[in-house]
Structures are given as structure tokens and as C-alpha cells.
Amino acid sequence: MGISLAGFEYEETDESGRTLDKESGLFPELNLSLRLDSESWFILGDLRYLKDTADYTAYPISQPPLESATEEEIIDFSLLFGVQQELFDTVTLAVYGGLGFRYWERDIQSTPDASGLYEEYEWGYMLIGISPAMRIGPSDRVGVDLQLRKAFDANLDVRFKNVNYDPVSLHLDDGIGLRLALNWNHDLNESFEFTLGPYVDLWEFERSADVDLRQGNLTVGSVYEPASQTKVVGIRFFLTKGF
């Protein structure tokens, strides 16, 4: 069980790389994990939950930036299987793979100058990772955890606020993700272990295909989801209880 202090950043860009909108905030992130270990293999279930308010800025062409806020909620669950091996007296190496699911709710608030949006993203993902660690004392280890991800079946549902457009569903491209963490582990006693370390978590998606924007039976235009990048940089505090 642990908690992170996470610096959250999200940005959407057009085909030329110009920023269309961005979000940022400093959030707490909760983390629950359950791990089953043997000498040579392990199974890990990992749940992360983030909920807070981000600053939102849109950048219309030839207009001043528009400021608002976005209510963010992210749920991320992964299940992985790995093998682990002691390479030297003080060095171990773990290699793993698995599957995950991510749900993200963005509730962009309306302003006097612009109507808001309610968006729900969800996607599954495959992951592979490598995690070397080295013992630096009788009770301490340091390590690196590198995880690569590939999204599948990524979808976005959009509802418009204060305007009479029908809800829209878009299929996103199969985005890619990366997580890199540095860990210091300290054995408090035979049953408890404390982990502290920084991490960075990235997701990138390309522009989606256009879909019709409708008002009832009338098509009034088209919409798409721009290319985007999500970056979370944080520091993690984790307490593990052994059984």
C-alpha cells in the first residue's frame, strides 16, 4: 500500500505540433498491490487511483487563451507474471509481462466564454518490463524498474455541455506508454519493507479519425481527438507487509 505525489501534465496538439490545450496539476495518487512470490517467479496485481482538479488552458487560433479547470479521475489496474534470478551475491534481475486496463474521466468545466466537455477514455494494454536491483547493505536495496506498454481497443466517449450536439464515440489509435521508476527499499523488520523513489509515467496517442458531429438526424460537421501526450512525474512512498 502506498501513496505518490504526482505532477500531472496533459497536452493535445494539431498536425503541425501547435498546442491546442493542456492541463496540469499536483495530485496525490493511491497505490494498492498484491504480490505472490516464489524463489524464481512472481505474480503481481497493481491498482492505482488518482482523483483531483487540474488547471486547463485552451489556445484558440487568433484569440487569447481560455482558462478553466478539469476534474480528473484515473483508475489503472495491471496483472503481471514475472521470473526472477539472482545473478551475483548482491544483484537480482526480474523480467515480466502482463495486461492492464486504464479508465480516465475528464470533466472540463464550462466558462462564460466556452462550453465544457465530459470525456471518458478507456483502453487495455499489454506490458513488458525489466527490473534489476542491487543490495547495498544488510537491510537496503536500490533498483530500476522499466516498463513498456502498448494500448489496444482504446475508445473515447464525449458529451457536450450547454450545446445541443449528440454524444460522440471515437476509436483511438493503439497508443504507447512507458514507466520508469527508481527505487530504494529498506527492510524495517522481518515483516515490513519501505520503498521510496521517483518515477515518470508516459502515454502517447496519435490523432484519431474524423467522425460526424450530429444534432439529431442532421450532420453539422465532424470532430476528432487530437494527438496527445500524458506525463506524470512523481515520488512514491510504499509500505509492504510480508506474509
C-alpha atoms as a PDB file:
ATOM      1  CA  MET A   1       0.000   0.000   0.000  1.00  0.00           C
ATOM      2  CA  GLY A   2       1.379   3.399  -0.888  1.00  0.00           C
ATOM      3  CA  ILE A   3       0.829   6.982  -1.942  1.00  0.00           C
ATOM      4  CA  SER A   4       2.544   9.167  -4.526  1.00  0.00           C
ATOM      5  CA  LEU A   5       2.799  12.896  -5.000  1.00  0.00           C
ATOM      6  CA  ALA A   6       2.293  13.191  -8.760  1.00  0.00           C
ATOM      7  CA  GLY A   7       2.887  16.118 -11.101  1.00  0.00           C
ATOM      8  CA  PHE A   8       0.285  15.614 -13.844  1.00  0.00           C
ATOM      9  CA  GLU A   9       0.612  17.117 -17.353  1.00  0.00           C
ATOM     10  CA  TYR A  10      -1.586  16.548 -20.419  1.00  0.00           C
ATOM     11  CA  GLU A  11      -1.263  18.202 -23.838  1.00  0.00           C
ATOM     12  CA  GLU A  12      -3.135  17.952 -27.148  1.00  0.00           C
ATOM     13  CA  THR A  13      -1.501  19.110 -30.387  1.00  0.00           C
ATOM     14  CA  ASP A  14      -2.500  19.571 -34.033  1.00  0.00           C
ATOM     15  CA  GLU A  15      -0.723  18.146 -37.082  1.00  0.00           C
ATOM     16  CA  SER A  16       1.829  20.996 -37.048  1.00  0.00           C
ATOM     17  CA  GLY A  17       2.688  20.420 -33.381  1.00  0.00           C
ATOM     18  CA  ARG A  18       0.864  23.534 -32.143  1.00  0.00           C
ATOM     19  CA  THR A  19      -0.606  23.152 -28.645  1.00  0.00           C
ATOM     20  CA  LEU A  20      -4.404  23.073 -28.696  1.00  0.00           C
ATOM     21  CA  ASP A  21      -4.963  22.663 -24.972  1.00  0.00           C
ATOM     22  CA  LYS A  22      -3.134  21.462 -21.897  1.00  0.00           C
ATOM     23  CA  GLU A  23      -3.774  20.500 -18.295  1.00  0.00           C
ATOM     24  CA  SER A  24      -1.525  20.430 -15.249  1.00  0.00           C
ATOM     25  CA  GLY A  25      -1.755  19.793 -11.529  1.00  0.00           C
ATOM     26  CA  LEU A  26      -0.080  18.304  -8.472  1.00  0.00           C
ATOM     27  CA  PHE A  27      -2.114  15.312  -7.285  1.00  0.00           C
ATOM     28  CA  PRO A  28      -1.995  12.532  -4.686  1.00  0.00           C
ATOM     29  CA  GLU A  29      -2.093   9.049  -6.219  1.00  0.00           C
ATOM     30  CA  LEU A  30      -3.097   5.955  -4.223  1.00  0.00           C
ATOM     31  CA  ASN A  31      -1.498   2.573  -4.962  1.00  0.00           C
ATOM     32  CA  LEU A  32      -2.517  -0.908  -3.791  1.00  0.00           C
ATOM     33  CA  SER A  33      -0.560  -4.038  -4.760  1.00  0.00           C
ATOM     34  CA  LEU A  34      -0.756  -7.744  -4.006  1.00  0.00           C
ATOM     35  CA  ARG A  35       2.236  -9.948  -4.861  1.00  0.00           C
ATOM     36  CA  LEU A  36       2.729 -13.721  -4.709  1.00  0.00           C
ATOM     37  CA  ASP A  37       6.401 -14.748  -4.691  1.00  0.00           C
ATOM     38  CA  SER A  38       8.494 -17.861  -5.082  1.00  0.00           C
ATOM     39  CA  GLU A  39      12.273 -18.086  -5.450  1.00  0.00           C
ATOM     40  CA  SER A  40      12.096 -17.989  -9.269  1.00  0.00           C
ATOM     41  CA  TRP A  41       8.738 -16.400 -10.221  1.00  0.00           C
ATOM     42  CA  PHE A  42       6.112 -13.913  -9.035  1.00  0.00           C
ATOM     43  CA  ILE A  43       2.581 -12.685  -9.790  1.00  0.00           C
ATOM     44  CA  LEU A  44       1.662  -9.056  -9.123  1.00  0.00           C
ATOM     45  CA  GLY A  45      -1.669  -7.241  -9.177  1.00  0.00           C
ATOM     46  CA  ASP A  46      -1.354  -3.446  -9.079  1.00  0.00           C
ATOM     47  CA  LEU A  47      -4.111  -0.815  -8.696  1.00  0.00           C
ATOM     48  CA  ARG A  48      -3.542   2.952  -8.977  1.00  0.00           C
ATOM     49  CA  TYR A  49      -6.134   5.661  -8.359  1.00  0.00           C
ATOM     50  CA  LEU A  50      -5.891   9.406  -8.947  1.00  0.00           C
ATOM     51  CA  LYS A  51      -8.651  11.999  -8.492  1.00  0.00           C
ATOM     52  CA  ASP A  52      -8.212  15.779  -8.341  1.00  0.00           C
ATOM     53  CA  THR A  53      -8.664  19.063 -10.230  1.00  0.00           C
ATOM     54  CA  ALA A  54      -6.248  20.218 -12.927  1.00  0.00           C
ATOM     55  CA  ASP A  55      -5.734  23.677 -14.422  1.00  0.00           C
ATOM     56  CA  TYR A  56      -6.993  23.738 -18.016  1.00  0.00           C
ATOM     57  CA  THR A  57      -5.865  26.119 -20.778  1.00  0.00           C
ATOM     58  CA  ALA A  58      -7.090  26.120 -24.396  1.00  0.00           C
ATOM     59  CA  TYR A  59      -5.300  28.019 -27.175  1.00  0.00           C
ATOM     60  CA  PRO A  60      -7.755  29.100 -29.904  1.00  0.00           C
ATOM     61  CA  ILE A  61      -6.282  30.487 -33.111  1.00  0.00           C
ATOM     62  CA  SER A  62      -6.111  34.310 -33.086  1.00  0.00           C
ATOM     63  CA  GLN A  63      -7.739  34.519 -29.661  1.00  0.00           C
ATOM     64  CA  PRO A  64      -6.449  34.849 -26.104  1.00  0.00           C
ATOM     65  CA  PRO A  65      -6.029  31.591 -24.162  1.00  0.00           C
ATOM     66  CA  LEU A  66      -9.117  30.301 -22.357  1.00  0.00           C
ATOM     67  CA  GLU A  67      -8.660  29.280 -18.710  1.00  0.00           C
ATOM     68  CA  SER A  68     -10.795  26.712 -16.911  1.00  0.00           C
ATOM     69  CA  ALA A  69     -10.451  23.593 -14.741  1.00  0.00           C
ATOM     70  CA  THR A  70     -10.801  19.851 -15.327  1.00  0.00           C
ATOM     71  CA  GLU A  71     -11.992  17.300 -12.799  1.00  0.00           C
ATOM     72  CA  GLU A  72      -9.704  14.297 -13.342  1.00  0.00           C
ATOM     73  CA  GLU A  73     -10.223  10.688 -12.283  1.00  0.00           C
ATOM     74  CA  ILE A  74      -7.883   7.872 -13.380  1.00  0.00           C
ATOM     75  CA  ILE A  75      -8.107   4.182 -12.480  1.00  0.00           C
ATOM     76  CA  ASP A  76      -5.320   1.893 -13.684  1.00  0.00           C
ATOM     77  CA  PHE A  77      -5.110  -1.849 -12.977  1.00  0.00           C
ATOM     78  CA  SER A  78      -2.489  -4.308 -14.197  1.00  0.00           C
ATOM     79  CA  LEU A  79      -1.784  -8.007 -13.633  1.00  0.00           C
ATOM     80  CA  LEU A  80       1.637  -9.370 -14.483  1.00  0.00           C
ATOM     81  CA  PHE A  81       3.716 -12.519 -14.260  1.00  0.00           C
ATOM     82  CA  GLY A  82       7.492 -12.492 -13.969  1.00  0.00           C
ATOM     83  CA  VAL A  83      10.591 -14.553 -13.399  1.00  0.00           C
ATOM     84  CA  GLN A  84      13.442 -13.517 -11.143  1.00  0.00           C
ATOM     85  CA  GLN A  85      17.013 -14.704 -10.835  1.00  0.00           C
ATOM     86  CA  GLU A  86      19.972 -13.914  -8.579  1.00  0.00           C
ATOM     87  CA  LEU A  87      22.866 -13.028 -10.901  1.00  0.00           C
ATOM     88  CA  PHE A  88      25.509 -12.329  -8.267  1.00  0.00           C
ATOM     89  CA  ASP A  89      25.600 -12.277  -4.472  1.00  0.00           C
ATOM     90  CA  THR A  90      24.151  -8.763  -4.385  1.00  0.00           C
ATOM     91  CA  VAL A  91      22.343  -8.417  -7.762  1.00  0.00           C
ATOM     92  CA  THR A  92      18.960  -9.807  -8.856  1.00  0.00           C
ATOM     93  CA  LEU A  93      17.106  -9.423 -12.156  1.00  0.00           C
ATOM     94  CA  ALA A  94      13.364  -9.708 -12.778  1.00  0.00           C
ATOM     95  CA  VAL A  95      11.708  -9.849 -16.220  1.00  0.00           C
ATOM     96  CA  TYR A  96       7.918  -9.731 -16.540  1.00  0.00           C
ATOM     97  CA  GLY A  97       4.917  -9.251 -18.804  1.00  0.00           C
ATOM     98  CA  GLY A  98       1.198  -8.801 -18.383  1.00  0.00           C
ATOM     99  CA  LEU A  99      -2.034  -6.989 -19.183  1.00  0.00           C
ATOM    100  CA  GLY A 100      -3.628  -3.816 -17.877  1.00  0.00           C
ATOM    101  CA  PHE A 101      -6.716  -1.613 -18.135  1.00  0.00           C
ATOM    102  CA  ARG A 102      -6.966   2.157 -17.818  1.00  0.00           C
ATOM    103  CA  TYR A 103     -10.053   4.327 -17.282  1.00  0.00           C
ATOM    104  CA  TRP A 104      -9.787   8.117 -17.397  1.00  0.00           C
ATOM    105  CA  GLU A 105     -12.561  10.646 -16.816  1.00  0.00           C
ATOM    106  CA  ARG A 106     -12.045  14.281 -17.877  1.00  0.00           C
ATOM    107  CA  ASP A 107     -14.763  16.723 -16.839  1.00  0.00           C
ATOM    108  CA  ILE A 108     -13.789  20.059 -18.434  1.00  0.00           C
ATOM    109  CA  GLN A 109     -15.716  22.854 -16.764  1.00  0.00           C
ATOM    110  CA  SER A 110     -17.705  25.435 -18.742  1.00  0.00           C
ATOM    111  CA  THR A 111     -16.766  29.130 -18.649  1.00  0.00           C
ATOM    112  CA  PRO A 112     -18.644  32.285 -19.715  1.00  0.00           C
ATOM    113  CA  ASP A 113     -16.706  32.112 -22.999  1.00  0.00           C
ATOM    114  CA  ALA A 114     -16.849  28.395 -23.833  1.00  0.00           C
ATOM    115  CA  SER A 115     -18.907  25.298 -23.075  1.00  0.00           C
ATOM    116  CA  GLY A 116     -17.270  22.378 -21.328  1.00  0.00           C
ATOM    117  CA  LEU A 117     -16.866  18.726 -22.255  1.00  0.00           C
ATOM    118  CA  TYR A 118     -17.279  15.455 -20.407  1.00  0.00           C
ATOM    119  CA  GLU A 119     -14.912  12.773 -21.747  1.00  0.00           C
ATOM    120  CA  GLU A 120     -14.386   9.131 -20.803  1.00  0.00           C
ATOM    121  CA  TYR A 121     -11.323   7.285 -22.083  1.00  0.00           C
ATOM    122  CA  GLU A 122     -10.677   3.583 -21.653  1.00  0.00           C
ATOM    123  CA  TRP A 123      -8.179   1.139 -23.087  1.00  0.00           C
ATOM    124  CA  GLY A 124      -6.487  -2.147 -22.406  1.00  0.00           C
ATOM    125  CA  TYR A 125      -2.747  -2.537 -22.703  1.00  0.00           C
ATOM    126  CA  MET A 126      -0.016  -5.143 -22.928  1.00  0.00           C
ATOM    127  CA  LEU A 127       3.187  -4.577 -20.990  1.00  0.00           C
ATOM    128  CA  ILE A 128       6.702  -5.933 -20.655  1.00  0.00           C
ATOM    129  CA  GLY A 129       9.263  -4.883 -18.094  1.00  0.00           C
ATOM    130  CA  ILE A 130      12.686  -5.416 -16.607  1.00  0.00           C
ATOM    131  CA  SER A 131      13.725  -4.695 -13.026  1.00  0.00           C
ATOM    132  CA  PRO A 132      17.358  -5.098 -11.850  1.00  0.00           C
ATOM    133  CA  ALA A 133      18.159  -4.499  -8.173  1.00  0.00           C
ATOM    134  CA  MET A 134      21.309  -4.464  -6.046  1.00  0.00           C
ATOM    135  CA  ARG A 135      21.699  -4.985  -2.308  1.00  0.00           C
ATOM    136  CA  ILE A 136      23.787  -2.172  -0.751  1.00  0.00           C
ATOM    137  CA  GLY A 137      23.587  -3.244   2.875  1.00  0.00           C
ATOM    138  CA  PRO A 138      22.011  -5.783   5.206  1.00  0.00           C
ATOM    139  CA  SER A 139      18.635  -4.016   5.038  1.00  0.00           C
ATOM    140  CA  ASP A 140      18.801  -1.896   1.865  1.00  0.00           C
ATOM    141  CA  ARG A 141      18.449  -2.368  -1.901  1.00  0.00           C
ATOM    142  CA  VAL A 142      18.361   0.019  -4.844  1.00  0.00           C
ATOM    143  CA  GLY A 143      16.789  -0.800  -8.188  1.00  0.00           C
ATOM    144  CA  VAL A 144      15.358   0.330 -11.509  1.00  0.00           C
ATOM    145  CA  ASP A 145      12.010  -0.691 -12.984  1.00  0.00           C
ATOM    146  CA  LEU A 146      11.435  -0.067 -16.718  1.00  0.00           C
ATOM    147  CA  GLN A 147       8.046  -0.888 -18.234  1.00  0.00           C
ATOM    148  CA  LEU A 148       6.937  -0.574 -21.881  1.00  0.00           C
ATOM    149  CA  ARG A 149       3.233  -0.617 -22.804  1.00  0.00           C
ATOM    150  CA  LYS A 150       1.115  -0.957 -25.944  1.00  0.00           C
ATOM    151  CA  ALA A 151      -2.560   0.061 -25.833  1.00  0.00           C
ATOM    152  CA  PHE A 152      -5.368  -1.815 -27.561  1.00  0.00           C
ATOM    153  CA  ASP A 153      -9.124  -1.254 -28.003  1.00  0.00           C
ATOM    154  CA  ALA A 154      -8.762   2.417 -26.987  1.00  0.00           C
ATOM    155  CA  ASN A 155     -12.010   4.405 -27.072  1.00  0.00           C
ATOM    156  CA  LEU A 156     -13.272   7.856 -26.129  1.00  0.00           C
ATOM    157  CA  ASP A 157     -16.865   8.892 -25.384  1.00  0.00           C
ATOM    158  CA  VAL A 158     -17.633  12.637 -25.452  1.00  0.00           C
ATOM    159  CA  ARG A 159     -20.675  14.509 -24.148  1.00  0.00           C
ATOM    160  CA  PHE A 160     -21.069  18.215 -24.839  1.00  0.00           C
ATOM    161  CA  LYS A 161     -22.185  20.682 -22.192  1.00  0.00           C
ATOM    162  CA  ASN A 162     -24.518  23.624 -22.863  1.00  0.00           C
ATOM    163  CA  VAL A 163     -24.708  22.876 -26.608  1.00  0.00           C
ATOM    164  CA  ASN A 164     -27.211  20.671 -28.370  1.00  0.00           C
ATOM    165  CA  TYR A 165     -24.848  18.154 -30.004  1.00  0.00           C
ATOM    166  CA  ASP A 166     -25.299  14.392 -29.810  1.00  0.00           C
ATOM    167  CA  PRO A 167     -22.723  12.406 -27.806  1.00  0.00           C
ATOM    168  CA  VAL A 168     -19.752  11.193 -29.870  1.00  0.00           C
ATOM    169  CA  SER A 169     -17.714   7.986 -29.680  1.00  0.00           C
ATOM    170  CA  LEU A 170     -14.224   7.853 -31.180  1.00  0.00           C
ATOM    171  CA  HIS A 171     -11.801   4.971 -31.615  1.00  0.00           C
ATOM    172  CA  LEU A 172      -8.245   5.967 -30.736  1.00  0.00           C
ATOM    173  CA  ASP A 173      -5.069   4.598 -32.247  1.00  0.00           C
ATOM    174  CA  ASP A 174      -3.093   1.968 -30.332  1.00  0.00           C
ATOM    175  CA  GLY A 175      -1.022   4.329 -28.198  1.00  0.00           C
ATOM    176  CA  ILE A 176       2.268   3.562 -26.495  1.00  0.00           C
ATOM    177  CA  GLY A 177       3.328   4.039 -22.881  1.00  0.00           C
ATOM    178  CA  LEU A 178       6.421   3.936 -20.696  1.00  0.00           C
ATOM    179  CA  ARG A 179       7.046   3.863 -16.964  1.00  0.00           C
ATOM    180  CA  LEU A 180      10.466   4.309 -15.366  1.00  0.00           C
ATOM    181  CA  ALA A 181      10.958   4.125 -11.600  1.00  0.00           C
ATOM    182  CA  LEU A 182      13.997   4.299  -9.313  1.00  0.00           C
ATOM    183  CA  ASN A 183      13.503   2.523  -6.005  1.00  0.00           C
ATOM    184  CA  TRP A 184      15.198   2.409  -2.618  1.00  0.00           C
ATOM    185  CA  ASN A 185      13.934  -0.475  -0.480  1.00  0.00           C
ATOM    186  CA  HIS A 186      14.584  -0.685   3.252  1.00  0.00           C
ATOM    187  CA  ASP A 187      13.659  -3.671   5.432  1.00  0.00           C
ATOM    188  CA  LEU A 188      12.071  -2.302   8.604  1.00  0.00           C
ATOM    189  CA  ASN A 189      11.855  -5.771  10.165  1.00  0.00           C
ATOM    190  CA  GLU A 190      11.087  -9.330   9.073  1.00  0.00           C
ATOM    191  CA  SER A 191       7.531  -8.408   8.049  1.00  0.00           C
ATOM    192  CA  PHE A 192       7.616  -4.828   6.723  1.00  0.00           C
ATOM    193  CA  GLU A 193       9.522  -3.129   3.897  1.00  0.00           C
ATOM    194  CA  PHE A 194       9.562   0.565   2.995  1.00  0.00           C
ATOM    195  CA  THR A 195      10.035   1.775  -0.612  1.00  0.00           C
ATOM    196  CA  LEU A 196      10.838   5.329  -1.709  1.00  0.00           C
ATOM    197  CA  GLY A 197      11.683   6.626  -5.166  1.00  0.00           C
ATOM    198  CA  PRO A 198      10.882   8.892  -8.121  1.00  0.00           C
ATOM    199  CA  TYR A 199       9.077   7.772 -11.268  1.00  0.00           C
ATOM    200  CA  VAL A 200       7.884   9.011 -14.647  1.00  0.00           C
ATOM    201  CA  ASP A 201       4.805   7.627 -16.432  1.00  0.00           C
ATOM    202  CA  LEU A 202       4.074   8.473 -20.106  1.00  0.00           C
ATOM    203  CA  TRP A 203       1.274   7.766 -22.601  1.00  0.00           C
ATOM    204  CA  GLU A 204       1.143   8.979 -26.226  1.00  0.00           C
ATOM    205  CA  PHE A 205      -1.675   8.696 -28.785  1.00  0.00           C
ATOM    206  CA  GLU A 206      -1.830   9.841 -32.406  1.00  0.00           C
ATOM    207  CA  ARG A 207      -4.741  11.761 -33.968  1.00  0.00           C
ATOM    208  CA  SER A 208      -7.964   9.782 -34.335  1.00  0.00           C
ATOM    209  CA  ALA A 209     -10.075   9.515 -37.476  1.00  0.00           C
ATOM    210  CA  ASP A 210     -12.874  12.047 -38.011  1.00  0.00           C
ATOM    211  CA  VAL A 211     -16.440  11.168 -37.005  1.00  0.00           C
ATOM    212  CA  ASP A 212     -19.672  13.003 -37.772  1.00  0.00           C
ATOM    213  CA  LEU A 213     -20.949  15.644 -35.372  1.00  0.00           C
ATOM    214  CA  ARG A 214     -24.739  15.457 -35.293  1.00  0.00           C
ATOM    215  CA  GLN A 215     -27.806  17.220 -33.946  1.00  0.00           C
ATOM    216  CA  GLY A 216     -30.497  14.585 -34.108  1.00  0.00           C
ATOM    217  CA  ASN A 217     -30.788  13.487 -37.754  1.00  0.00           C
ATOM    218  CA  LEU A 218     -28.711  16.406 -39.023  1.00  0.00           C
ATOM    219  CA  THR A 219     -24.945  16.221 -39.599  1.00  0.00           C
ATOM    220  CA  VAL A 220     -23.467  19.618 -38.728  1.00  0.00           C
ATOM    221  CA  GLY A 221     -19.729  18.884 -39.012  1.00  0.00           C
ATOM    222  CA  SER A 222     -17.052  16.474 -37.844  1.00  0.00           C
ATOM    223  CA  VAL A 223     -14.844  16.044 -34.789  1.00  0.00           C
ATOM    224  CA  TYR A 224     -11.675  14.139 -33.939  1.00  0.00           C
ATOM    225  CA  GLU A 225      -9.394  13.525 -30.971  1.00  0.00           C
ATOM    226  CA  PRO A 226      -6.052  15.318 -31.459  1.00  0.00           C
ATOM    227  CA  ALA A 227      -2.663  13.734 -30.864  1.00  0.00           C
ATOM    228  CA  SER A 228      -1.897  13.786 -27.149  1.00  0.00           C
ATOM    229  CA  GLN A 229       0.714  13.104 -24.508  1.00  0.00           C
ATOM    230  CA  THR A 230       0.115  12.420 -20.814  1.00  0.00           C
ATOM    231  CA  LYS A 231       3.059  12.709 -18.429  1.00  0.00           C
ATOM    232  CA  VAL A 232       3.062  12.019 -14.705  1.00  0.00           C
ATOM    233  CA  VAL A 233       6.254  12.660 -12.718  1.00  0.00           C
ATOM    234  CA  GLY A 234       6.146  11.827  -9.048  1.00  0.00           C
ATOM    235  CA  ILE A 235       7.703  10.403  -5.942  1.00  0.00           C
ATOM    236  CA  ARG A 236       6.358   7.205  -4.436  1.00  0.00           C
ATOM    237  CA  PHE A 237       6.101   6.129  -0.790  1.00  0.00           C
ATOM    238  CA  PHE A 238       5.192   2.457  -0.348  1.00  0.00           C
ATOM    239  CA  LEU A 239       4.865   0.124   2.642  1.00  0.00           C
ATOM    240  CA  THR A 240       4.888  -3.650   2.035  1.00  0.00           C
ATOM    241  CA  LYS A 241       3.687  -6.270   4.516  1.00  0.00           C
ATOM    242  CA  GLY A 242       5.074  -9.784   4.031  1.00  0.00           C
ATOM    243  CA  PHE A 243       3.130 -12.941   4.917  1.00  0.00           C
END
